[in-house]
Amino acid sequence: MKAFIVDSSVAAKWLPPLSNEPLASEARGLLADWTRGKIELSVPDLLLIEVANVRWKATRAGRCKAAEARAALKILISYDLPVAVSATFLGMTLRIAIAYERTVCDSLYVALAVQSGRELIAATRSWRTRSPPIFQ
């Protein structure tokens, strides 16, 4: 069975108001495949925080009401996605962030993908991560 790590840009598109944005149907397709048991998904614990932040920004921008933002977050939590504890791979995350000059938040997803041997999917692109020597 195929197994993936999804980042917050994917999960955010599962829920309104972002569910009509570009790549939202592909993101919802991943979720549907997971709920049907066709694929495995997992996420770092940071994903929930990042999606909550996206909802906060949407509320501030007038794209949704506070009640809608709270409801969307409850829906995401109800999916009960397999969540990896970031502290267990934070060292690798920092090495990736420094080596590739990326944020620690973005590198967290890459580190989880490398550690688990799963493909990382973002709403902008999909790629398979391999463990280069620096991260072994």
C-alpha atoms as a PDB file:
ATOM      1  CA  MET A   1       0.000   0.000   0.000  1.00  0.00           C
ATOM      2  CA  LYS A   2       1.281   3.460  -0.826  1.00  0.00           C
ATOM      3  CA  ALA A   3       2.093   5.663   2.146  1.00  0.00           C
ATOM      4  CA  PHE A   4       2.458   9.437   2.201  1.00  0.00           C
ATOM      5  CA  ILE A   5       3.281  12.373   4.425  1.00  0.00           C
ATOM      6  CA  VAL A   6       1.060  15.369   3.680  1.00  0.00           C
ATOM      7  CA  ASP A   7       1.928  18.899   4.603  1.00  0.00           C
ATOM      8  CA  SER A   8      -0.394  21.580   5.899  1.00  0.00           C
ATOM      9  CA  SER A   9      -0.934  23.055   2.432  1.00  0.00           C
ATOM     10  CA  VAL A  10      -2.695  19.814   1.514  1.00  0.00           C
ATOM     11  CA  ALA A  11      -4.684  19.435   4.736  1.00  0.00           C
ATOM     12  CA  ALA A  12      -5.813  23.064   4.615  1.00  0.00           C
ATOM     13  CA  LYS A  13      -7.450  22.383   1.241  1.00  0.00           C
ATOM     14  CA  TRP A  14      -9.589  19.619   2.728  1.00  0.00           C
ATOM     15  CA  LEU A  15     -11.648  22.230   4.578  1.00  0.00           C
ATOM     16  CA  PRO A  16     -13.614  25.364   3.698  1.00  0.00           C
ATOM     17  CA  PRO A  17     -12.873  28.108   2.697  1.00  0.00           C
ATOM     18  CA  LEU A  18      -9.773  26.678   0.985  1.00  0.00           C
ATOM     19  CA  SER A  19     -11.619  23.683  -0.444  1.00  0.00           C
ATOM     20  CA  ASN A  20     -12.228  25.551  -3.709  1.00  0.00           C
ATOM     21  CA  GLU A  21      -8.635  26.660  -4.339  1.00  0.00           C
ATOM     22  CA  PRO A  22      -6.276  25.198  -6.959  1.00  0.00           C
ATOM     23  CA  LEU A  23      -5.277  21.589  -6.213  1.00  0.00           C
ATOM     24  CA  ALA A  24      -8.101  21.265  -3.665  1.00  0.00           C
ATOM     25  CA  SER A  25      -9.773  18.443  -5.572  1.00  0.00           C
ATOM     26  CA  GLU A  26      -6.481  16.516  -5.666  1.00  0.00           C
ATOM     27  CA  ALA A  27      -6.038  17.119  -1.929  1.00  0.00           C
ATOM     28  CA  ARG A  28      -9.586  15.887  -1.244  1.00  0.00           C
ATOM     29  CA  GLY A  29      -8.854  12.842  -3.433  1.00  0.00           C
ATOM     30  CA  LEU A  30      -5.938  11.916  -1.163  1.00  0.00           C
ATOM     31  CA  LEU A  31      -8.169  12.244   1.885  1.00  0.00           C
ATOM     32  CA  ALA A  32     -10.863  10.119   0.246  1.00  0.00           C
ATOM     33  CA  ASP A  33      -8.314   7.436  -0.660  1.00  0.00           C
ATOM     34  CA  TRP A  34      -7.091   7.425   2.948  1.00  0.00           C
ATOM     35  CA  THR A  35     -10.594   7.156   4.424  1.00  0.00           C
ATOM     36  CA  ARG A  36     -11.295   4.222   2.054  1.00  0.00           C
ATOM     37  CA  GLY A  37      -8.102   2.483   3.187  1.00  0.00           C
ATOM     38  CA  LYS A  38      -6.452   2.731  -0.233  1.00  0.00           C
ATOM     39  CA  ILE A  39      -3.405   4.640   1.044  1.00  0.00           C
ATOM     40  CA  GLU A  40      -1.726   5.442   4.341  1.00  0.00           C
ATOM     41  CA  LEU A  41      -1.251   9.028   5.504  1.00  0.00           C
ATOM     42  CA  SER A  42       0.652  10.483   8.406  1.00  0.00           C
ATOM     43  CA  VAL A  43       1.531  13.983   9.502  1.00  0.00           C
ATOM     44  CA  PRO A  44       3.754  15.695  12.042  1.00  0.00           C
ATOM     45  CA  ASP A  45       2.033  17.230  15.049  1.00  0.00           C
ATOM     46  CA  LEU A  46       2.852  20.669  13.640  1.00  0.00           C
ATOM     47  CA  LEU A  47       0.260  20.186  10.890  1.00  0.00           C
ATOM     48  CA  LEU A  48      -2.661  20.800  13.230  1.00  0.00           C
ATOM     49  CA  ILE A  49      -1.092  24.046  14.458  1.00  0.00           C
ATOM     50  CA  GLU A  50      -0.355  25.232  10.937  1.00  0.00           C
ATOM     51  CA  VAL A  51      -3.893  24.530   9.721  1.00  0.00           C
ATOM     52  CA  ALA A  52      -5.287  26.379  12.742  1.00  0.00           C
ATOM     53  CA  ASN A  53      -3.070  29.309  11.786  1.00  0.00           C
ATOM     54  CA  VAL A  54      -4.380  29.215   8.205  1.00  0.00           C
ATOM     55  CA  ARG A  55      -7.926  29.412   9.603  1.00  0.00           C
ATOM     56  CA  TRP A  56      -6.939  32.340  11.840  1.00  0.00           C
ATOM     57  CA  LYS A  57      -5.538  34.183   8.808  1.00  0.00           C
ATOM     58  CA  ALA A  58      -8.695  33.462   6.802  1.00  0.00           C
ATOM     59  CA  THR A  59     -10.782  34.869   9.642  1.00  0.00           C
ATOM     60  CA  ARG A  60      -8.648  38.006   9.870  1.00  0.00           C
ATOM     61  CA  ALA A  61      -8.913  38.490   6.106  1.00  0.00           C
ATOM     62  CA  GLY A  62     -12.697  38.155   6.203  1.00  0.00           C
ATOM     63  CA  ARG A  63     -12.670  34.915   4.167  1.00  0.00           C
ATOM     64  CA  CYS A  64     -14.532  33.050   6.888  1.00  0.00           C
ATOM     65  CA  LYS A  65     -16.201  33.641  10.223  1.00  0.00           C
ATOM     66  CA  ALA A  66     -14.659  32.591  13.521  1.00  0.00           C
ATOM     67  CA  ALA A  67     -17.314  29.897  13.986  1.00  0.00           C
ATOM     68  CA  GLU A  68     -16.513  28.477  10.538  1.00  0.00           C
ATOM     69  CA  ALA A  69     -12.798  28.420  11.355  1.00  0.00           C
ATOM     70  CA  ARG A  70     -13.462  26.545  14.612  1.00  0.00           C
ATOM     71  CA  ALA A  71     -15.769  24.097  12.831  1.00  0.00           C
ATOM     72  CA  ALA A  72     -13.155  23.419  10.127  1.00  0.00           C
ATOM     73  CA  LEU A  73     -10.529  22.689  12.772  1.00  0.00           C
ATOM     74  CA  LYS A  74     -12.897  20.300  14.567  1.00  0.00           C
ATOM     75  CA  ILE A  75     -13.413  18.471  11.280  1.00  0.00           C
ATOM     76  CA  LEU A  76      -9.664  18.128  10.771  1.00  0.00           C
ATOM     77  CA  ILE A  77      -9.197  16.798  14.300  1.00  0.00           C
ATOM     78  CA  SER A  78     -12.075  14.349  13.777  1.00  0.00           C
ATOM     79  CA  TYR A  79     -10.172  12.707  10.901  1.00  0.00           C
ATOM     80  CA  ASP A  80      -7.832  11.329  13.567  1.00  0.00           C
ATOM     81  CA  LEU A  81      -4.843  11.299  11.242  1.00  0.00           C
ATOM     82  CA  PRO A  82      -1.798   9.337  12.411  1.00  0.00           C
ATOM     83  CA  VAL A  83       0.351  12.045  14.005  1.00  0.00           C
ATOM     84  CA  ALA A  84       4.109  11.800  14.513  1.00  0.00           C
ATOM     85  CA  VAL A  85       5.631  13.586  17.505  1.00  0.00           C
ATOM     86  CA  SER A  86       8.040  16.165  16.110  1.00  0.00           C
ATOM     87  CA  ALA A  87      10.455  15.921  19.017  1.00  0.00           C
ATOM     88  CA  THR A  88      11.474  12.439  17.859  1.00  0.00           C
ATOM     89  CA  PHE A  89      12.977  13.765  14.608  1.00  0.00           C
ATOM     90  CA  LEU A  90      13.755  17.378  15.493  1.00  0.00           C
ATOM     91  CA  GLY A  91      17.526  16.833  15.259  1.00  0.00           C
ATOM     92  CA  MET A  92      17.223  15.670  11.663  1.00  0.00           C
ATOM     93  CA  THR A  93      14.826  18.541  11.008  1.00  0.00           C
ATOM     94  CA  LEU A  94      17.370  21.110  12.105  1.00  0.00           C
ATOM     95  CA  ARG A  95      20.123  19.487  10.007  1.00  0.00           C
ATOM     96  CA  ILE A  96      17.865  19.646   6.951  1.00  0.00           C
ATOM     97  CA  ALA A  97      16.868  23.255   7.634  1.00  0.00           C
ATOM     98  CA  ILE A  98      20.488  24.348   7.964  1.00  0.00           C
ATOM     99  CA  ALA A  99      21.774  22.308   5.026  1.00  0.00           C
ATOM    100  CA  TYR A 100      19.043  23.418   2.620  1.00  0.00           C
ATOM    101  CA  GLU A 101      18.341  26.883   4.053  1.00  0.00           C
ATOM    102  CA  ARG A 102      14.677  26.150   4.656  1.00  0.00           C
ATOM    103  CA  THR A 103      12.486  26.908   7.635  1.00  0.00           C
ATOM    104  CA  VAL A 104      12.381  24.433  10.474  1.00  0.00           C
ATOM    105  CA  CYS A 105       8.618  24.134   9.941  1.00  0.00           C
ATOM    106  CA  ASP A 106       9.016  23.119   6.284  1.00  0.00           C
ATOM    107  CA  SER A 107      11.982  20.887   7.094  1.00  0.00           C
ATOM    108  CA  LEU A 108       9.902  19.014   9.661  1.00  0.00           C
ATOM    109  CA  TYR A 109       7.800  17.482   6.890  1.00  0.00           C
ATOM    110  CA  VAL A 110      10.904  16.533   4.912  1.00  0.00           C
ATOM    111  CA  ALA A 111      12.517  14.963   7.979  1.00  0.00           C
ATOM    112  CA  LEU A 112       9.408  12.885   8.669  1.00  0.00           C
ATOM    113  CA  ALA A 113       9.337  11.745   5.049  1.00  0.00           C
ATOM    114  CA  VAL A 114      13.023  10.805   5.143  1.00  0.00           C
ATOM    115  CA  GLN A 115      12.682   9.046   8.500  1.00  0.00           C
ATOM    116  CA  SER A 116       9.604   7.083   7.424  1.00  0.00           C
ATOM    117  CA  GLY A 117      10.638   6.441   3.817  1.00  0.00           C
ATOM    118  CA  ARG A 118       7.348   7.902   2.631  1.00  0.00           C
ATOM    119  CA  GLU A 119       6.619  10.301  -0.186  1.00  0.00           C
ATOM    120  CA  LEU A 120       5.991  13.888   0.851  1.00  0.00           C
ATOM    121  CA  ILE A 121       3.068  15.601  -0.830  1.00  0.00           C
ATOM    122  CA  ALA A 122       2.537  19.352  -0.774  1.00  0.00           C
ATOM    123  CA  ALA A 123      -0.242  21.244  -2.533  1.00  0.00           C
ATOM    124  CA  THR A 124       2.343  22.739  -4.858  1.00  0.00           C
ATOM    125  CA  ARG A 125       4.311  19.620  -5.728  1.00  0.00           C
ATOM    126  CA  SER A 126       4.975  16.002  -4.899  1.00  0.00           C
ATOM    127  CA  TRP A 127       8.347  14.378  -4.593  1.00  0.00           C
ATOM    128  CA  ARG A 128       9.980  11.325  -3.080  1.00  0.00           C
ATOM    129  CA  THR A 129      12.570  12.167  -0.499  1.00  0.00           C
ATOM    130  CA  ARG A 130      15.661  10.043  -0.181  1.00  0.00           C
ATOM    131  CA  SER A 131      18.012  10.064   2.741  1.00  0.00           C
ATOM    132  CA  PRO A 132      21.222  11.713   1.558  1.00  0.00           C
ATOM    133  CA  PRO A 133      24.382  10.787   3.499  1.00  0.00           C
ATOM    134  CA  ILE A 134      24.188  13.917   5.668  1.00  0.00           C
ATOM    135  CA  PHE A 135      20.944  12.685   7.227  1.00  0.00           C
ATOM    136  CA  GLN A 136      21.803   9.038   7.856  1.00  0.00           C
END
